[in-house]
Structures are given as C-alpha cells and as structure tokens.
Amino acid sequence: MSRDKKTRRRGGFLAGALIGGAVALLATPLTGKEAREKLRAALGGEGLGGFDLRGQADKLKDAVGAGRESAADQSEELKRKIEETRSRLRQQMDEVE
C-alpha cells in the first residue's frame, strides 16, 4: 500500500473518530445549549474530564513525525549496509576468478 493511501486512511480514521465523538456529544440527552457548550469546550481543550483533543492530536502528529524520521534513518543505514555487502561480495568474486 502506498504511503499516500496510508496517510489518507489514518487521516480518515482520525476525522471519523472526531466526528463520532461530536455526534455522541450531540446525541446525549442534554439541551441544545448544553450540548453545544460541551462540544465547544471539548474542541477547545477543556471538557470531557479535561481531555485535551488538540493536545492529543499534536502529540500524535509529533509521534508520527518522529517515527517517520526514525524509519528514514534506519532505511538509509540498511541501504548503506546492503551496498557495503554488495561491494564485499563483488570483491570476493573478483578474487576467486
């Protein structure tokens, strides 16, 4: 699966989770005003027991970015090792001939 499809799938999942949470808040037996205040507070970082949605999203973005950097570093290291091994094998093949 391409990186773009994975990114879209993760973004869709996150958007779905946020929309589902909003629908759940709006479907509660509260008055319209209470539900809107609760939703506004949740999206602003206050509410739902102090659960900070924006802060969690920022942490998730940071973690994904760090994971990508780590994967890129490991990929470069692996490519370097593969090239070293190829060179060593070519040298050994030349010595045998």
Foldseek 3Di string as FASTA:
>chain_A
DDPVVVVVVVVVVVVVVLVVVLVVLCPDPDPPVVSVVQNVCQQVQHHPPSHGPVVVVVVVVVVVVVVVVVVVVVVVVVVVVVVVVVVVVVVVVVVVD
